[in-house]
Every structure is written in structure tokens, then in C-alpha cells.
């Protein structure tokens, strides 16, 4: 089911049919470095990851990390959307793209559309994002779409310190 359309991209719900792509994405070295190893090593594991992640989140909250594909040929290139984590009070925007599609404006195009969708359609007043300390590219993109660095945080179950970015929409009203 398509959620958003931009000039060059379609953002839609992930399905089990996306398992091969998700398997490739979550095992990309950049994903493992900046997001973490999710232990997804087979197509079956990727199917479960989709079912228990994006599909369950959409059923529960009405949003998730959407599959991003090029409009011209339906090639999947990444994911972008919202996540509701138990460890964060607010909804957070997230994205990940295969390295072949970096530097072409796809992440900015997708994240800008998702952010507008969250504010205008889903009615969020505050959206946050987290990055590792060394993920400069994601931090730069978050700032470019309007989020600002707020503080360094640490989840109780993790020793790593993360950067928290935020956008407070109600302040501008």
C-alpha cells in the first residue's frame, strides 16, 4: 500500500515480498556500523523482521518505516518513516539507504516527505531522531530537514551515547 509519493520516489508499506531487499539492507556494513546488527541472516529472518517490525508497528500505531523505491522502475533503495520506541517518549524519524543511492538526494527527498506527512497528516507536534555520535551524514540530513540537536542521551540497556535531534512543531504555530 502506497503511503507517499514524491517527484522520484514511492514510499509504501513493507511486505514479506521485500525480504531479499531488507536482508541486503540490514547486513550492509553502514547499517551495522550506525544502526546495529539485527541478527537477520536469512530471507526467512528478514520476513520475520518485516512482520515483527514494520507490519506490527503499522498495525499498532498507523505508521512505520516505509519501503522507499524509485518511481521509474520500482527498485527498492531504502527505508524511511517513523518508529515508536519504548525508550523514547516521542515518535522518531528514521532512514537507511543502500550506499549505491547515497549522495543523490533520495534520503532528503524521502525524509522531507515523511516529516511533512507526520506533521500535516498524522498530526505529530514533536518528532525526534537519534544518531550515533559518529554518524555525521545522518545528523546533517536531520538538520537539513529541520530538526535540531537537542542533547546526548543514553538508553538504560545500552552503553553507547546517542545524539538526540528534535523538531517541535507547536512552537511555530
C-alpha atoms as a PDB file:
ATOM      1  CA  UNK A   1       0.000   0.000   0.000  1.00  0.00           C
ATOM      2  CA  UNK A   2       1.476   3.316  -1.086  1.00  0.00           C
ATOM      3  CA  UNK A   3       1.730   5.944   1.636  1.00  0.00           C
ATOM      4  CA  UNK A   4       3.603   8.792  -0.045  1.00  0.00           C
ATOM      5  CA  UNK A   5       4.767   9.824  -3.469  1.00  0.00           C
ATOM      6  CA  UNK A   6       7.485  12.343  -4.248  1.00  0.00           C
ATOM      7  CA  UNK A   7       8.948  13.518  -7.519  1.00  0.00           C
ATOM      8  CA  UNK A   8      11.221  10.479  -7.874  1.00  0.00           C
ATOM      9  CA  UNK A   9      10.100   8.089  -5.137  1.00  0.00           C
ATOM     10  CA  UNK A  10       7.240   5.970  -3.847  1.00  0.00           C
ATOM     11  CA  UNK A  11       7.059   5.168  -0.141  1.00  0.00           C
ATOM     12  CA  UNK A  12       4.906   2.179   0.714  1.00  0.00           C
ATOM     13  CA  UNK A  13       4.319  -0.379   3.417  1.00  0.00           C
ATOM     14  CA  UNK A  14       6.889  -3.144   3.607  1.00  0.00           C
ATOM     15  CA  UNK A  15       5.645  -6.636   2.742  1.00  0.00           C
ATOM     16  CA  UNK A  16       7.114 -10.107   3.052  1.00  0.00           C
ATOM     17  CA  UNK A  17       7.984  -9.816  -0.657  1.00  0.00           C
ATOM     18  CA  UNK A  18      10.618  -7.240   0.362  1.00  0.00           C
ATOM     19  CA  UNK A  19      12.584  -9.788   2.425  1.00  0.00           C
ATOM     20  CA  UNK A  20      15.508 -10.095  -0.017  1.00  0.00           C
ATOM     21  CA  UNK A  21      15.966  -6.323  -0.087  1.00  0.00           C
ATOM     22  CA  UNK A  22      15.661  -5.982   3.711  1.00  0.00           C
ATOM     23  CA  UNK A  23      18.188  -8.794   4.147  1.00  0.00           C
ATOM     24  CA  UNK A  24      20.645  -6.861   1.963  1.00  0.00           C
ATOM     25  CA  UNK A  25      19.948  -3.525   3.699  1.00  0.00           C
ATOM     26  CA  UNK A  26      20.291  -4.695   7.320  1.00  0.00           C
ATOM     27  CA  UNK A  27      23.532  -6.511   6.521  1.00  0.00           C
ATOM     28  CA  UNK A  28      25.147  -3.571   4.733  1.00  0.00           C
ATOM     29  CA  UNK A  29      28.288  -2.511   6.656  1.00  0.00           C
ATOM     30  CA  UNK A  30      26.941   1.047   7.089  1.00  0.00           C
ATOM     31  CA  UNK A  31      23.718  -0.297   8.689  1.00  0.00           C
ATOM     32  CA  UNK A  32      25.721  -2.454  11.077  1.00  0.00           C
ATOM     33  CA  UNK A  33      28.057   0.442  11.928  1.00  0.00           C
ATOM     34  CA  UNK A  34      25.412   3.126  12.511  1.00  0.00           C
ATOM     35  CA  UNK A  35      22.257   1.181  13.425  1.00  0.00           C
ATOM     36  CA  UNK A  36      23.499  -2.145  14.699  1.00  0.00           C
ATOM     37  CA  UNK A  37      23.497  -5.824  13.842  1.00  0.00           C
ATOM     38  CA  UNK A  38      19.914  -7.067  13.933  1.00  0.00           C
ATOM     39  CA  UNK A  39      20.934 -10.704  13.564  1.00  0.00           C
ATOM     40  CA  UNK A  40      18.979 -11.079  10.320  1.00  0.00           C
ATOM     41  CA  UNK A  41      20.974 -13.571   8.254  1.00  0.00           C
ATOM     42  CA  UNK A  42      18.390 -15.360   6.064  1.00  0.00           C
ATOM     43  CA  UNK A  43      15.419 -14.459   3.859  1.00  0.00           C
ATOM     44  CA  UNK A  44      13.182 -16.142   6.456  1.00  0.00           C
ATOM     45  CA  UNK A  45      14.765 -13.988   9.151  1.00  0.00           C
ATOM     46  CA  UNK A  46      14.163 -10.895   7.042  1.00  0.00           C
ATOM     47  CA  UNK A  47      10.498 -11.912   6.625  1.00  0.00           C
ATOM     48  CA  UNK A  48      10.140 -12.180  10.405  1.00  0.00           C
ATOM     49  CA  UNK A  49      11.944  -8.857  10.823  1.00  0.00           C
ATOM     50  CA  UNK A  50       9.389  -7.214   8.496  1.00  0.00           C
ATOM     51  CA  UNK A  51       6.401  -8.932  10.176  1.00  0.00           C
ATOM     52  CA  UNK A  52       7.518  -8.133  13.728  1.00  0.00           C
ATOM     53  CA  UNK A  53       8.825  -4.679  12.863  1.00  0.00           C
ATOM     54  CA  UNK A  54       7.221  -2.574  10.153  1.00  0.00           C
ATOM     55  CA  UNK A  55       3.984  -4.546   9.760  1.00  0.00           C
ATOM     56  CA  UNK A  56       3.327  -4.822  13.509  1.00  0.00           C
ATOM     57  CA  UNK A  57       4.207  -1.154  14.071  1.00  0.00           C
ATOM     58  CA  UNK A  58       1.835  -0.048  11.314  1.00  0.00           C
ATOM     59  CA  UNK A  59      -0.984  -2.183  12.758  1.00  0.00           C
ATOM     60  CA  UNK A  60      -0.349  -0.798  16.239  1.00  0.00           C
ATOM     61  CA  UNK A  61       0.391   2.873  15.526  1.00  0.00           C
ATOM     62  CA  UNK A  62      -0.609   3.616  11.916  1.00  0.00           C
ATOM     63  CA  UNK A  63       2.973   4.365  10.853  1.00  0.00           C
ATOM     64  CA  UNK A  64       6.250   2.517  10.391  1.00  0.00           C
ATOM     65  CA  UNK A  65       9.453   2.540   8.395  1.00  0.00           C
ATOM     66  CA  UNK A  66       8.214   2.587   4.805  1.00  0.00           C
ATOM     67  CA  UNK A  67       9.984   0.968   1.893  1.00  0.00           C
ATOM     68  CA  UNK A  68      11.429   3.617  -0.444  1.00  0.00           C
ATOM     69  CA  UNK A  69      11.561   2.715  -4.113  1.00  0.00           C
ATOM     70  CA  UNK A  70      12.470   4.601  -7.247  1.00  0.00           C
ATOM     71  CA  UNK A  71       9.300   5.564  -9.084  1.00  0.00           C
ATOM     72  CA  UNK A  72      10.747   4.936 -12.543  1.00  0.00           C
ATOM     73  CA  UNK A  73      11.440   1.210 -12.050  1.00  0.00           C
ATOM     74  CA  UNK A  74      10.238   0.259  -8.527  1.00  0.00           C
ATOM     75  CA  UNK A  75      13.805  -0.517  -7.423  1.00  0.00           C
ATOM     76  CA  UNK A  76      13.901  -0.594  -3.610  1.00  0.00           C
ATOM     77  CA  UNK A  77      16.643   1.733  -2.369  1.00  0.00           C
ATOM     78  CA  UNK A  78      15.997   2.172   1.361  1.00  0.00           C
ATOM     79  CA  UNK A  79      13.546   2.675   4.183  1.00  0.00           C
ATOM     80  CA  UNK A  80      12.267   5.870   5.751  1.00  0.00           C
ATOM     81  CA  UNK A  81       9.490   6.543   8.216  1.00  0.00           C
ATOM     82  CA  UNK A  82       8.563   6.685  11.869  1.00  0.00           C
ATOM     83  CA  UNK A  83       9.303   4.415  14.799  1.00  0.00           C
ATOM     84  CA  UNK A  84       7.751   4.405  18.263  1.00  0.00           C
ATOM     85  CA  UNK A  85      10.349   3.078  20.686  1.00  0.00           C
ATOM     86  CA  UNK A  86       9.637   2.146  24.285  1.00  0.00           C
ATOM     87  CA  UNK A  87      12.827   4.007  25.199  1.00  0.00           C
ATOM     88  CA  UNK A  88      11.706   7.365  23.745  1.00  0.00           C
ATOM     89  CA  UNK A  89       8.686   9.426  24.689  1.00  0.00           C
ATOM     90  CA  UNK A  90       8.275  10.845  21.180  1.00  0.00           C
ATOM     91  CA  UNK A  91       7.957   9.304  17.744  1.00  0.00           C
ATOM     92  CA  UNK A  92      11.240   9.274  15.889  1.00  0.00           C
ATOM     93  CA  UNK A  93      12.014   9.586  12.221  1.00  0.00           C
ATOM     94  CA  UNK A  94      14.480   7.132  10.775  1.00  0.00           C
ATOM     95  CA  UNK A  95      16.002   6.234   7.444  1.00  0.00           C
ATOM     96  CA  UNK A  96      18.557   3.937   5.859  1.00  0.00           C
ATOM     97  CA  UNK A  97      19.567   3.619   2.215  1.00  0.00           C
ATOM     98  CA  UNK A  98      21.883   1.311   0.332  1.00  0.00           C
ATOM     99  CA  UNK A  99      25.216   3.066  -0.340  1.00  0.00           C
ATOM    100  CA  UNK A 100      24.652   2.978  -4.118  1.00  0.00           C
ATOM    101  CA  UNK A 101      21.895   5.566  -3.584  1.00  0.00           C
ATOM    102  CA  UNK A 102      23.763   7.934  -1.256  1.00  0.00           C
ATOM    103  CA  UNK A 103      24.574  11.447  -2.429  1.00  0.00           C
ATOM    104  CA  UNK A 104      21.732  11.595  -4.951  1.00  0.00           C
ATOM    105  CA  UNK A 105      19.187  13.425  -2.793  1.00  0.00           C
ATOM    106  CA  UNK A 106      16.943  10.389  -2.265  1.00  0.00           C
ATOM    107  CA  UNK A 107      17.253  10.383   1.529  1.00  0.00           C
ATOM    108  CA  UNK A 108      16.492  14.104   1.692  1.00  0.00           C
ATOM    109  CA  UNK A 109      13.524  13.712  -0.646  1.00  0.00           C
ATOM    110  CA  UNK A 110      12.096  10.783   1.337  1.00  0.00           C
ATOM    111  CA  UNK A 111      12.779  12.232   4.795  1.00  0.00           C
ATOM    112  CA  UNK A 112      11.302  15.631   3.878  1.00  0.00           C
ATOM    113  CA  UNK A 113       8.109  13.959   2.635  1.00  0.00           C
ATOM    114  CA  UNK A 114       7.882  11.711   5.705  1.00  0.00           C
ATOM    115  CA  UNK A 115       8.400  14.656   8.048  1.00  0.00           C
ATOM    116  CA  UNK A 116       5.649  16.671   6.334  1.00  0.00           C
ATOM    117  CA  UNK A 117       3.364  13.613   6.444  1.00  0.00           C
ATOM    118  CA  UNK A 118       3.978  13.227  10.177  1.00  0.00           C
ATOM    119  CA  UNK A 119       3.250  16.872  10.915  1.00  0.00           C
ATOM    120  CA  UNK A 120       0.385  17.510   8.479  1.00  0.00           C
ATOM    121  CA  UNK A 121      -1.390  14.143   8.217  1.00  0.00           C
ATOM    122  CA  UNK A 122      -0.510  12.216  11.376  1.00  0.00           C
ATOM    123  CA  UNK A 123      -0.641  15.383  13.498  1.00  0.00           C
ATOM    124  CA  UNK A 124       2.619  14.989  15.410  1.00  0.00           C
ATOM    125  CA  UNK A 125       3.664  18.060  17.397  1.00  0.00           C
ATOM    126  CA  UNK A 126       7.142  16.805  18.199  1.00  0.00           C
ATOM    127  CA  UNK A 127       9.363  14.480  16.194  1.00  0.00           C
ATOM    128  CA  UNK A 128      12.763  13.290  17.336  1.00  0.00           C
ATOM    129  CA  UNK A 129      15.622  11.327  15.802  1.00  0.00           C
ATOM    130  CA  UNK A 130      18.657   9.574  17.195  1.00  0.00           C
ATOM    131  CA  UNK A 131      22.072   9.007  15.648  1.00  0.00           C
ATOM    132  CA  UNK A 132      25.333   7.556  16.801  1.00  0.00           C
ATOM    133  CA  UNK A 133      27.966  10.125  17.695  1.00  0.00           C
ATOM    134  CA  UNK A 134      29.961   9.377  14.530  1.00  0.00           C
ATOM    135  CA  UNK A 135      27.093   9.389  12.006  1.00  0.00           C
ATOM    136  CA  UNK A 136      27.729  12.821  10.532  1.00  0.00           C
ATOM    137  CA  UNK A 137      25.771  12.200   7.311  1.00  0.00           C
ATOM    138  CA  UNK A 138      22.535  11.401   9.135  1.00  0.00           C
ATOM    139  CA  UNK A 139      22.992  14.324  11.528  1.00  0.00           C
ATOM    140  CA  UNK A 140      23.483  16.664   8.581  1.00  0.00           C
ATOM    141  CA  UNK A 141      20.342  15.347   6.870  1.00  0.00           C
ATOM    142  CA  UNK A 142      18.274  15.698  10.055  1.00  0.00           C
ATOM    143  CA  UNK A 143      19.358  19.321  10.387  1.00  0.00           C
ATOM    144  CA  UNK A 144      18.639  19.927   6.708  1.00  0.00           C
ATOM    145  CA  UNK A 145      15.016  18.786   7.115  1.00  0.00           C
ATOM    146  CA  UNK A 146      14.531  20.988  10.172  1.00  0.00           C
ATOM    147  CA  UNK A 147      15.482  19.005  13.266  1.00  0.00           C
ATOM    148  CA  UNK A 148      17.975  20.479  15.703  1.00  0.00           C
ATOM    149  CA  UNK A 149      20.474  18.815  18.001  1.00  0.00           C
ATOM    150  CA  UNK A 150      18.958  18.746  21.482  1.00  0.00           C
ATOM    151  CA  UNK A 151      21.231  16.669  23.709  1.00  0.00           C
ATOM    152  CA  UNK A 152      23.212  13.479  24.145  1.00  0.00           C
ATOM    153  CA  UNK A 153      21.185  10.593  25.569  1.00  0.00           C
ATOM    154  CA  UNK A 154      21.883   7.072  26.708  1.00  0.00           C
ATOM    155  CA  UNK A 155      19.353   4.247  26.896  1.00  0.00           C
ATOM    156  CA  UNK A 156      19.454   2.225  30.115  1.00  0.00           C
ATOM    157  CA  UNK A 157      20.073  -1.011  28.201  1.00  0.00           C
ATOM    158  CA  UNK A 158      22.960   0.362  26.125  1.00  0.00           C
ATOM    159  CA  UNK A 159      26.330   1.878  26.964  1.00  0.00           C
ATOM    160  CA  UNK A 160      26.509   3.920  23.753  1.00  0.00           C
ATOM    161  CA  UNK A 161      25.748   7.630  23.915  1.00  0.00           C
ATOM    162  CA  UNK A 162      23.465   8.834  21.109  1.00  0.00           C
ATOM    163  CA  UNK A 163      22.663  12.266  19.768  1.00  0.00           C
ATOM    164  CA  UNK A 164      19.011  13.286  20.063  1.00  0.00           C
ATOM    165  CA  UNK A 165      17.596  15.696  17.497  1.00  0.00           C
ATOM    166  CA  UNK A 166      14.119  17.208  17.670  1.00  0.00           C
ATOM    167  CA  UNK A 167      11.541  19.324  15.915  1.00  0.00           C
ATOM    168  CA  UNK A 168       8.785  20.958  17.964  1.00  0.00           C
ATOM    169  CA  UNK A 169       6.021  21.833  15.547  1.00  0.00           C
ATOM    170  CA  UNK A 170       3.675  23.509  18.017  1.00  0.00           C
ATOM    171  CA  UNK A 171       6.285  26.217  18.706  1.00  0.00           C
ATOM    172  CA  UNK A 172       5.847  27.532  15.183  1.00  0.00           C
ATOM    173  CA  UNK A 173       2.035  27.773  15.351  1.00  0.00           C
END
